[in-house]
Structure formats: C-alpha cells, structure tokens
Amino acid sequence: MQIILVTLLISVPPLLGVSSTGEKDAQLENTCGSFCFKVVKPILKQSVALQEKIMDQEDKEKSDLQSKLDNIEKELKQVKVDKDNCQKQSVDLQLKQEYMEKDLVFLHKKIDEHDQKLKDAEQTFKGQPELFKQIGSKYYYIEEHATMNWYAAAHRCHQLGAHLASIQNQKEYDAIIAKLNPPKFYWIDINDLSEEGKFISHTTGNGAAFLNWYPKNNPDNYKGNENCGSFWYIHKRYGMNDDDCSKKLYFICETFNVK
C-alpha cells in the first residue's frame, strides 16, 4: 500500500497540469483503482490547494517587489528633479550675487562722487567766506551783480555750501529786506512746482514757514507760468511775488554759519 501511495504522489505533478477536475479524477481512478482513489483524492486536493497558495504567494511577492521597484524609480526621478532644481537655484544665486556686487560698486562710485562734490563745494565756500554777511542769527549772500533763473540760482547757492534764502518769520523778513537794493528782484527758495498754489520750501521740502505776498492779489500765477518765489519791488516797497522760474533775477543765499 505504501508503495502505491508513493507511486501515486510521484505521478501527481503531471495530473495537476490538467485543466479539468473531472479529467484529473478519471485519470487517477484508472491509475490506482476505486479504493486507492478514495484514499489518495483528499491528499491530492490538499496538494493542489497548497500549490495554488504557493503560486498566489509568489504572485503577491512579485507584485510587492514590482511595487517597491516602482517606488525606488519614482524616488530616483524625484532626486534627479531636486538635483536639477538645486543646480538652477545655485545659478540664480550666483547671478544675484553678481548683480549685487555690480550695484555695490555703482553705489560706492556714486558716494565717492557725492563726497567729491561736497569737498569741492566746501573748498569753494572756504575760498569766498567774505561773500556771506551775518544778518540776525544767520549768514546771507546777496548777489547784486549776476542774474540767473531760479534753478541756476539754487545750484549756485549749493556750490557755495548754502541754499536759497528760506524766510522763517517776520523778523528775518524785515532784516533781509532792509539790506536789498531797489528796484532789483531776488529769488528765494519757495515754489509751487509740485502742486499749483501750494508753496513749499526748497530747503526743507515742507510748506513755506512764512509768506508775505504783495500786493494782495498775489500769488496770481500770471499767464499760468509763475511757480517760483521772489522778492520784488513794487509801489515803492518790497514784497513776495510768484514769478516765472525761467526769468533771470538776482538771488539770496543762506547758511547758518561760515567756517
């Protein structure tokens, strides 16, 4: 009996390859007889079930391995993308650094130019300290020989280390007016270039601290082109007037001290 079972178990693998269960049973019964068939059939079914489980396990393991492989490939692709991004960011940072270095060189150049202009202005001012006379608590240079437009006058005052006169109160106004020579007109620092009718100090950038328009209809913006402030002489007295910035007038420069 043991010899028969061993023989049958050896013959099981070829039978397992048959597609129909009925055909398997018929072949097995022809091989060993009815009694043998009844004894061996449960063993064969268990063997078939075991082989199916083994095949399912192999399929599952294969599927798991394929999934892991896919994940590894995905991670490798992401690493490549990250690497490319890092290289791009590195290039961008290098370009930004180069731009910043160029801007820094440009700014240093501008600072040097500005410092040189200040030195030149200071030297010019030191060479002409006698131009400024103390009137009240400040020093003024009243130009009595050359006339120029408002912009050129402001620049000239800057060259002298000063600025166009910025009148702060009635006391300063009266003190300066007493030093002027009628009927000459003189530029001062007020203007309404940024907003019509709103006069500001070119020196401070704030609203004019003191105004003394004369006559009463001033400022009249005559012909729509009067935006710069001046002292003018009319009706045998001085007063403030809005005038055409391109006109050539005398001017008054102001500073707080003379070195």
C-alpha atoms as a PDB file:
ATOM      1  CA  MET A   1       0.000   0.000   0.000  1.00  0.00           C
ATOM      2  CA  GLN A   2       2.853   2.432   0.858  1.00  0.00           C
ATOM      3  CA  ILE A   3       4.470   1.651  -2.492  1.00  0.00           C
ATOM      4  CA  ILE A   4       1.234   2.502  -4.301  1.00  0.00           C
ATOM      5  CA  LEU A   5       0.866   5.848  -2.422  1.00  0.00           C
ATOM      6  CA  VAL A   6       4.433   6.868  -3.192  1.00  0.00           C
ATOM      7  CA  THR A   7       3.904   5.968  -6.843  1.00  0.00           C
ATOM      8  CA  LEU A   8       0.704   7.997  -6.959  1.00  0.00           C
ATOM      9  CA  LEU A   9       2.271  11.045  -5.270  1.00  0.00           C
ATOM     10  CA  ILE A  10       5.086  10.945  -7.794  1.00  0.00           C
ATOM     11  CA  SER A  11       2.510  10.973 -10.571  1.00  0.00           C
ATOM     12  CA  VAL A  12       0.574  13.880  -9.035  1.00  0.00           C
ATOM     13  CA  PRO A  13       2.503  16.798 -10.678  1.00  0.00           C
ATOM     14  CA  PRO A  14       1.590  15.777 -14.250  1.00  0.00           C
ATOM     15  CA  LEU A  15      -2.052  15.384 -13.189  1.00  0.00           C
ATOM     16  CA  LEU A  16      -2.081  18.835 -11.616  1.00  0.00           C
ATOM     17  CA  GLY A  17      -1.419  20.358 -15.012  1.00  0.00           C
ATOM     18  CA  VAL A  18      -4.789  19.023 -16.422  1.00  0.00           C
ATOM     19  CA  SER A  19      -7.298  21.838 -16.786  1.00  0.00           C
ATOM     20  CA  SER A  20     -10.488  19.843 -15.878  1.00  0.00           C
ATOM     21  CA  THR A  21     -11.092  18.426 -12.364  1.00  0.00           C
ATOM     22  CA  GLY A  22     -13.216  15.574 -13.809  1.00  0.00           C
ATOM     23  CA  GLU A  23     -10.404  14.566 -16.122  1.00  0.00           C
ATOM     24  CA  LYS A  24      -7.988  14.519 -13.177  1.00  0.00           C
ATOM     25  CA  ASP A  25     -10.246  12.252 -11.167  1.00  0.00           C
ATOM     26  CA  ALA A  26     -10.792   9.882 -14.131  1.00  0.00           C
ATOM     27  CA  GLN A  27      -7.097   9.544 -14.813  1.00  0.00           C
ATOM     28  CA  LEU A  28      -6.338   8.949 -11.151  1.00  0.00           C
ATOM     29  CA  GLU A  29      -9.055   6.328 -10.765  1.00  0.00           C
ATOM     30  CA  ASN A  30      -7.789   4.469 -13.863  1.00  0.00           C
ATOM     31  CA  THR A  31      -4.295   4.573 -12.435  1.00  0.00           C
ATOM     32  CA  CYS A  32      -4.887   3.036  -8.984  1.00  0.00           C
ATOM     33  CA  GLY A  33      -8.471   1.687  -8.776  1.00  0.00           C
ATOM     34  CA  SER A  34     -11.522   2.771  -6.743  1.00  0.00           C
ATOM     35  CA  PHE A  35     -10.114   2.050  -3.269  1.00  0.00           C
ATOM     36  CA  CYS A  36      -6.867   3.825  -3.965  1.00  0.00           C
ATOM     37  CA  PHE A  37      -8.748   6.742  -5.486  1.00  0.00           C
ATOM     38  CA  LYS A  38     -10.823   7.229  -2.329  1.00  0.00           C
ATOM     39  CA  VAL A  39      -7.672   7.238  -0.185  1.00  0.00           C
ATOM     40  CA  VAL A  40      -5.491   9.471  -2.379  1.00  0.00           C
ATOM     41  CA  LYS A  41      -8.074  12.017  -3.570  1.00  0.00           C
ATOM     42  CA  PRO A  42      -8.081  14.126  -0.332  1.00  0.00           C
ATOM     43  CA  ILE A  43      -4.286  14.183  -0.380  1.00  0.00           C
ATOM     44  CA  LEU A  44      -4.286  15.358  -3.969  1.00  0.00           C
ATOM     45  CA  LYS A  45      -6.804  18.101  -3.275  1.00  0.00           C
ATOM     46  CA  GLN A  46      -4.682  19.307  -0.346  1.00  0.00           C
ATOM     47  CA  SER A  47      -1.616  19.230  -2.570  1.00  0.00           C
ATOM     48  CA  VAL A  48      -3.406  21.205  -5.278  1.00  0.00           C
ATOM     49  CA  ALA A  49      -4.620  23.750  -2.720  1.00  0.00           C
ATOM     50  CA  LEU A  50      -1.085  24.056  -1.342  1.00  0.00           C
ATOM     51  CA  GLN A  51       0.364  24.603  -4.794  1.00  0.00           C
ATOM     52  CA  GLU A  52      -2.258  27.267  -5.517  1.00  0.00           C
ATOM     53  CA  LYS A  53      -1.343  29.026  -2.254  1.00  0.00           C
ATOM     54  CA  ILE A  54       2.320  28.848  -3.200  1.00  0.00           C
ATOM     55  CA  MET A  55       1.560  30.345  -6.612  1.00  0.00           C
ATOM     56  CA  ASP A  56      -0.587  33.077  -5.037  1.00  0.00           C
ATOM     57  CA  GLN A  57       2.222  33.857  -2.573  1.00  0.00           C
ATOM     58  CA  GLU A  58       4.730  34.038  -5.405  1.00  0.00           C
ATOM     59  CA  ASP A  59       2.428  36.363  -7.347  1.00  0.00           C
ATOM     60  CA  LYS A  60       1.975  38.553  -4.261  1.00  0.00           C
ATOM     61  CA  GLU A  61       5.719  38.661  -3.596  1.00  0.00           C
ATOM     62  CA  LYS A  62       6.335  39.502  -7.250  1.00  0.00           C
ATOM     63  CA  SER A  63       3.721  42.265  -7.081  1.00  0.00           C
ATOM     64  CA  ASP A  64       5.287  43.624  -3.870  1.00  0.00           C
ATOM     65  CA  LEU A  65       8.737  43.593  -5.439  1.00  0.00           C
ATOM     66  CA  GLN A  66       7.434  45.373  -8.521  1.00  0.00           C
ATOM     67  CA  SER A  67       5.738  47.985  -6.309  1.00  0.00           C
ATOM     68  CA  LYS A  68       8.976  48.550  -4.366  1.00  0.00           C
ATOM     69  CA  LEU A  69      10.876  48.815  -7.641  1.00  0.00           C
ATOM     70  CA  ASP A  70       8.377  51.396  -8.931  1.00  0.00           C
ATOM     71  CA  ASN A  71       8.747  53.391  -5.700  1.00  0.00           C
ATOM     72  CA  ILE A  72      12.540  53.311  -5.976  1.00  0.00           C
ATOM     73  CA  GLU A  73      12.376  54.527  -9.580  1.00  0.00           C
ATOM     74  CA  LYS A  74       9.965  57.285  -8.533  1.00  0.00           C
ATOM     75  CA  GLU A  75      12.297  58.355  -5.719  1.00  0.00           C
ATOM     76  CA  LEU A  76      15.254  58.341  -8.102  1.00  0.00           C
ATOM     77  CA  LYS A  77      13.339  60.586 -10.509  1.00  0.00           C
ATOM     78  CA  GLN A  78      12.489  62.968  -7.633  1.00  0.00           C
ATOM     79  CA  VAL A  79      16.142  63.024  -6.566  1.00  0.00           C
ATOM     80  CA  LYS A  80      17.096  63.990 -10.115  1.00  0.00           C
ATOM     81  CA  VAL A  81      14.450  66.739 -10.155  1.00  0.00           C
ATOM     82  CA  ASP A  82      15.668  68.031  -6.781  1.00  0.00           C
ATOM     83  CA  LYS A  83      19.233  67.971  -8.026  1.00  0.00           C
ATOM     84  CA  ASP A  84      18.272  69.932 -11.146  1.00  0.00           C
ATOM     85  CA  ASN A  85      16.378  72.466  -9.010  1.00  0.00           C
ATOM     86  CA  CYS A  86      19.365  72.859  -6.687  1.00  0.00           C
ATOM     87  CA  GLN A  87      21.640  73.475  -9.647  1.00  0.00           C
ATOM     88  CA  LYS A  88      19.208  76.051 -11.058  1.00  0.00           C
ATOM     89  CA  GLN A  89      18.928  77.780  -7.673  1.00  0.00           C
ATOM     90  CA  SER A  90      22.700  77.799  -7.395  1.00  0.00           C
ATOM     91  CA  VAL A  91      22.975  79.507 -10.788  1.00  0.00           C
ATOM     92  CA  ASP A  92      20.258  82.021  -9.831  1.00  0.00           C
ATOM     93  CA  LEU A  93      22.024  82.825  -6.556  1.00  0.00           C
ATOM     94  CA  GLN A  94      25.303  83.301  -8.376  1.00  0.00           C
ATOM     95  CA  LEU A  95      23.660  85.713 -10.841  1.00  0.00           C
ATOM     96  CA  LYS A  96      22.032  87.632  -7.986  1.00  0.00           C
ATOM     97  CA  GLN A  97      25.372  87.863  -6.223  1.00  0.00           C
ATOM     98  CA  GLU A  98      26.990  89.237  -9.388  1.00  0.00           C
ATOM     99  CA  TYR A  99      24.204  91.831  -9.788  1.00  0.00           C
ATOM    100  CA  MET A 100      24.512  92.858  -6.143  1.00  0.00           C
ATOM    101  CA  GLU A 101      28.280  93.215  -6.466  1.00  0.00           C
ATOM    102  CA  LYS A 102      27.806  95.430  -9.532  1.00  0.00           C
ATOM    103  CA  ASP A 103      25.214  97.543  -7.683  1.00  0.00           C
ATOM    104  CA  LEU A 104      27.584  97.844  -4.734  1.00  0.00           C
ATOM    105  CA  VAL A 105      30.399  99.069  -6.974  1.00  0.00           C
ATOM    106  CA  PHE A 106      27.998 101.566  -8.605  1.00  0.00           C
ATOM    107  CA  LEU A 107      26.828 102.852  -5.188  1.00  0.00           C
ATOM    108  CA  HIS A 108      30.396 103.233  -3.952  1.00  0.00           C
ATOM    109  CA  LYS A 109      31.163 105.226  -7.091  1.00  0.00           C
ATOM    110  CA  LYS A 110      28.150 107.481  -6.527  1.00  0.00           C
ATOM    111  CA  ILE A 111      29.121 108.002  -2.885  1.00  0.00           C
ATOM    112  CA  ASP A 112      32.656 108.924  -3.914  1.00  0.00           C
ATOM    113  CA  GLU A 113      31.301 111.370  -6.500  1.00  0.00           C
ATOM    114  CA  HIS A 114      28.953 112.890  -3.917  1.00  0.00           C
ATOM    115  CA  ASP A 115      31.787 113.225  -1.381  1.00  0.00           C
ATOM    116  CA  GLN A 116      33.940 114.909  -4.005  1.00  0.00           C
ATOM    117  CA  LYS A 117      31.169 117.375  -4.845  1.00  0.00           C
ATOM    118  CA  LEU A 118      30.813 118.213  -1.157  1.00  0.00           C
ATOM    119  CA  LYS A 119      34.563 118.734  -0.889  1.00  0.00           C
ATOM    120  CA  ASP A 120      34.548 120.942  -3.978  1.00  0.00           C
ATOM    121  CA  ALA A 121      31.622 122.959  -2.626  1.00  0.00           C
ATOM    122  CA  GLU A 122      33.313 123.293   0.749  1.00  0.00           C
ATOM    123  CA  GLN A 123      36.531 124.413  -0.905  1.00  0.00           C
ATOM    124  CA  THR A 124      34.650 126.968  -2.999  1.00  0.00           C
ATOM    125  CA  PHE A 125      32.857 128.202   0.084  1.00  0.00           C
ATOM    126  CA  LYS A 126      36.109 128.470   2.069  1.00  0.00           C
ATOM    127  CA  GLY A 127      37.621 130.449  -0.765  1.00  0.00           C
ATOM    128  CA  GLN A 128      34.808 133.016  -0.597  1.00  0.00           C
ATOM    129  CA  PRO A 129      33.857 133.409   3.087  1.00  0.00           C
ATOM    130  CA  GLU A 130      33.700 137.185   2.689  1.00  0.00           C
ATOM    131  CA  LEU A 131      30.620 136.768   0.462  1.00  0.00           C
ATOM    132  CA  PHE A 132      28.400 135.883   3.451  1.00  0.00           C
ATOM    133  CA  LYS A 133      27.369 138.523   5.948  1.00  0.00           C
ATOM    134  CA  GLN A 134      25.598 137.907   9.208  1.00  0.00           C
ATOM    135  CA  ILE A 135      22.055 139.232   9.287  1.00  0.00           C
ATOM    136  CA  GLY A 136      20.301 138.319  12.512  1.00  0.00           C
ATOM    137  CA  SER A 137      21.185 134.761  13.536  1.00  0.00           C
ATOM    138  CA  LYS A 138      22.053 133.558  10.010  1.00  0.00           C
ATOM    139  CA  TYR A 139      24.515 134.345   7.248  1.00  0.00           C
ATOM    140  CA  TYR A 140      23.400 135.583   3.826  1.00  0.00           C
ATOM    141  CA  TYR A 141      24.994 136.194   0.479  1.00  0.00           C
ATOM    142  CA  ILE A 142      23.031 138.727  -1.565  1.00  0.00           C
ATOM    143  CA  GLU A 143      24.010 138.521  -5.238  1.00  0.00           C
ATOM    144  CA  GLU A 144      23.996 142.041  -6.671  1.00  0.00           C
ATOM    145  CA  HIS A 145      25.874 141.565  -9.957  1.00  0.00           C
ATOM    146  CA  ALA A 146      24.863 138.383 -11.810  1.00  0.00           C
ATOM    147  CA  THR A 147      21.300 137.359 -12.660  1.00  0.00           C
ATOM    148  CA  MET A 148      20.136 133.799 -13.420  1.00  0.00           C
ATOM    149  CA  ASN A 149      16.985 131.694 -13.438  1.00  0.00           C
ATOM    150  CA  TRP A 150      15.637 130.149 -10.237  1.00  0.00           C
ATOM    151  CA  TYR A 151      17.181 126.715 -10.855  1.00  0.00           C
ATOM    152  CA  ALA A 152      20.627 128.113 -11.610  1.00  0.00           C
ATOM    153  CA  ALA A 153      20.406 130.357  -8.540  1.00  0.00           C
ATOM    154  CA  ALA A 154      19.584 127.347  -6.340  1.00  0.00           C
ATOM    155  CA  HIS A 155      22.548 125.485  -7.829  1.00  0.00           C
ATOM    156  CA  ARG A 156      24.866 128.437  -7.277  1.00  0.00           C
ATOM    157  CA  CYS A 157      23.894 128.621  -3.617  1.00  0.00           C
ATOM    158  CA  HIS A 158      24.563 124.904  -3.318  1.00  0.00           C
ATOM    159  CA  GLN A 159      28.023 125.416  -4.821  1.00  0.00           C
ATOM    160  CA  LEU A 160      28.680 127.935  -2.071  1.00  0.00           C
ATOM    161  CA  GLY A 161      27.662 125.428   0.587  1.00  0.00           C
ATOM    162  CA  ALA A 162      24.359 127.190   1.185  1.00  0.00           C
ATOM    163  CA  HIS A 163      20.783 127.321  -0.156  1.00  0.00           C
ATOM    164  CA  LEU A 164      18.327 129.914  -1.394  1.00  0.00           C
ATOM    165  CA  ALA A 165      17.045 132.077   1.435  1.00  0.00           C
ATOM    166  CA  SER A 166      14.287 130.392   3.461  1.00  0.00           C
ATOM    167  CA  ILE A 167      12.422 133.038   5.429  1.00  0.00           C
ATOM    168  CA  GLN A 168      11.049 131.750   8.731  1.00  0.00           C
ATOM    169  CA  ASN A 169       9.336 134.773  10.308  1.00  0.00           C
ATOM    170  CA  GLN A 170       8.613 138.490  10.108  1.00  0.00           C
ATOM    171  CA  LYS A 171      11.819 139.390  11.963  1.00  0.00           C
ATOM    172  CA  GLU A 172      14.008 137.623   9.394  1.00  0.00           C
ATOM    173  CA  TYR A 173      11.946 139.115   6.572  1.00  0.00           C
ATOM    174  CA  ASP A 174      12.372 142.692   7.827  1.00  0.00           C
ATOM    175  CA  ALA A 175      16.127 142.216   8.451  1.00  0.00           C
ATOM    176  CA  ILE A 176      16.779 140.959   4.901  1.00  0.00           C
ATOM    177  CA  ILE A 177      14.514 143.469   3.155  1.00  0.00           C
ATOM    178  CA  ALA A 178      16.499 146.263   4.805  1.00  0.00           C
ATOM    179  CA  LYS A 179      19.658 145.015   3.001  1.00  0.00           C
ATOM    180  CA  LEU A 180      18.203 144.878  -0.535  1.00  0.00           C
ATOM    181  CA  ASN A 181      18.752 147.413  -3.299  1.00  0.00           C
ATOM    182  CA  PRO A 182      15.573 148.659  -5.027  1.00  0.00           C
ATOM    183  CA  PRO A 183      14.352 148.097  -7.660  1.00  0.00           C
ATOM    184  CA  LYS A 184      16.180 144.757  -8.003  1.00  0.00           C
ATOM    185  CA  PHE A 185      14.254 141.463  -7.745  1.00  0.00           C
ATOM    186  CA  TYR A 186      15.738 138.475  -5.840  1.00  0.00           C
ATOM    187  CA  TRP A 187      14.995 134.761  -5.906  1.00  0.00           C
ATOM    188  CA  ILE A 188      14.176 132.971  -2.619  1.00  0.00           C
ATOM    189  CA  ASP A 189      13.561 129.253  -2.019  1.00  0.00           C
ATOM    190  CA  ILE A 190       9.736 128.926  -2.069  1.00  0.00           C
ATOM    191  CA  ASN A 191       7.937 127.357  -5.062  1.00  0.00           C
ATOM    192  CA  ASP A 192       4.728 125.564  -6.040  1.00  0.00           C
ATOM    193  CA  LEU A 193       6.259 123.401  -8.772  1.00  0.00           C
ATOM    194  CA  SER A 194       4.789 120.186  -7.357  1.00  0.00           C
ATOM    195  CA  GLU A 195       1.242 121.484  -6.760  1.00  0.00           C
ATOM    196  CA  GLU A 196      -0.194 124.758  -8.007  1.00  0.00           C
ATOM    197  CA  GLY A 197      -0.953 127.181  -5.175  1.00  0.00           C
ATOM    198  CA  LYS A 198       0.847 125.093  -2.528  1.00  0.00           C
ATOM    199  CA  PHE A 199       4.145 126.838  -1.845  1.00  0.00           C
ATOM    200  CA  ILE A 200       6.856 124.796  -0.178  1.00  0.00           C
ATOM    201  CA  SER A 201      10.421 125.468   0.920  1.00  0.00           C
ATOM    202  CA  HIS A 202      13.006 124.065  -1.482  1.00  0.00           C
ATOM    203  CA  THR A 203      15.347 123.830   1.513  1.00  0.00           C
ATOM    204  CA  THR A 204      13.154 121.708   3.794  1.00  0.00           C
ATOM    205  CA  GLY A 205      10.567 120.196   1.444  1.00  0.00           C
ATOM    206  CA  ASN A 206       7.857 121.368   3.852  1.00  0.00           C
ATOM    207  CA  GLY A 207       5.256 124.083   3.487  1.00  0.00           C
ATOM    208  CA  ALA A 208       6.640 127.619   3.474  1.00  0.00           C
ATOM    209  CA  ALA A 209       7.114 128.773   7.078  1.00  0.00           C
ATOM    210  CA  PHE A 210       6.452 132.447   6.300  1.00  0.00           C
ATOM    211  CA  LEU A 211       4.704 134.250   3.437  1.00  0.00           C
ATOM    212  CA  ASN A 212       4.242 137.971   2.867  1.00  0.00           C
ATOM    213  CA  TRP A 213       2.647 138.349  -0.556  1.00  0.00           C
ATOM    214  CA  TYR A 214       2.311 141.815  -2.051  1.00  0.00           C
ATOM    215  CA  PRO A 215       0.033 143.148  -3.375  1.00  0.00           C
ATOM    216  CA  LYS A 216      -2.978 141.277  -2.042  1.00  0.00           C
ATOM    217  CA  ASN A 217      -3.823 139.572  -5.349  1.00  0.00           C
ATOM    218  CA  ASN A 218      -0.542 137.640  -5.164  1.00  0.00           C
ATOM    219  CA  PRO A 219       0.226 134.877  -5.870  1.00  0.00           C
ATOM    220  CA  ASP A 220      -1.627 135.310  -9.170  1.00  0.00           C
ATOM    221  CA  ASN A 221       0.185 132.756 -11.388  1.00  0.00           C
ATOM    222  CA  TYR A 222       0.216 135.305 -14.205  1.00  0.00           C
ATOM    223  CA  LYS A 223      -0.170 133.625 -17.612  1.00  0.00           C
ATOM    224  CA  GLY A 224      -0.274 130.298 -15.770  1.00  0.00           C
ATOM    225  CA  ASN A 225       3.509 130.110 -15.572  1.00  0.00           C
ATOM    226  CA  GLU A 226       4.612 131.611 -12.241  1.00  0.00           C
ATOM    227  CA  ASN A 227       5.821 128.925  -9.853  1.00  0.00           C
ATOM    228  CA  CYS A 228       8.915 130.315  -8.088  1.00  0.00           C
ATOM    229  CA  GLY A 229       9.051 132.798  -5.231  1.00  0.00           C
ATOM    230  CA  SER A 230      10.921 136.080  -5.225  1.00  0.00           C
ATOM    231  CA  PHE A 231      11.270 139.446  -3.508  1.00  0.00           C
ATOM    232  CA  TRP A 232      10.063 142.073  -5.931  1.00  0.00           C
ATOM    233  CA  TYR A 233       9.939 145.833  -5.661  1.00  0.00           C
ATOM    234  CA  ILE A 234       6.584 147.459  -6.486  1.00  0.00           C
ATOM    235  CA  HIS A 235       4.731 150.536  -5.294  1.00  0.00           C
ATOM    236  CA  LYS A 236       7.958 151.682  -3.594  1.00  0.00           C
ATOM    237  CA  ARG A 237       8.202 148.646  -1.337  1.00  0.00           C
ATOM    238  CA  TYR A 238       9.349 145.045  -1.316  1.00  0.00           C
ATOM    239  CA  GLY A 239       7.004 142.061  -1.064  1.00  0.00           C
ATOM    240  CA  MET A 240       6.809 138.401  -2.010  1.00  0.00           C
ATOM    241  CA  ASN A 241       5.782 137.514  -5.543  1.00  0.00           C
ATOM    242  CA  ASP A 242       5.299 134.357  -7.626  1.00  0.00           C
ATOM    243  CA  ASP A 243       7.339 134.655 -10.800  1.00  0.00           C
ATOM    244  CA  ASP A 244       8.351 132.734 -13.934  1.00  0.00           C
ATOM    245  CA  CYS A 245      11.143 130.362 -12.857  1.00  0.00           C
ATOM    246  CA  SER A 246      12.978 130.927 -16.155  1.00  0.00           C
ATOM    247  CA  LYS A 247      13.372 134.682 -15.572  1.00  0.00           C
ATOM    248  CA  LYS A 248      16.834 135.937 -14.705  1.00  0.00           C
ATOM    249  CA  LEU A 249      16.860 137.650 -11.321  1.00  0.00           C
ATOM    250  CA  TYR A 250      19.356 138.339  -8.576  1.00  0.00           C
ATOM    251  CA  PHE A 251      19.211 135.924  -5.626  1.00  0.00           C
ATOM    252  CA  ILE A 252      19.869 135.457  -1.918  1.00  0.00           C
ATOM    253  CA  CYS A 253      21.817 132.508  -0.448  1.00  0.00           C
ATOM    254  CA  GLU A 254      21.561 131.486   3.213  1.00  0.00           C
ATOM    255  CA  THR A 255      23.577 129.391   5.678  1.00  0.00           C
ATOM    256  CA  PHE A 256      23.755 129.007   9.432  1.00  0.00           C
ATOM    257  CA  ASN A 257      27.495 129.522   9.818  1.00  0.00           C
ATOM    258  CA  VAL A 258      30.639 130.486   7.962  1.00  0.00           C
ATOM    259  CA  LYS A 259      33.723 128.304   8.526  1.00  0.00           C
END
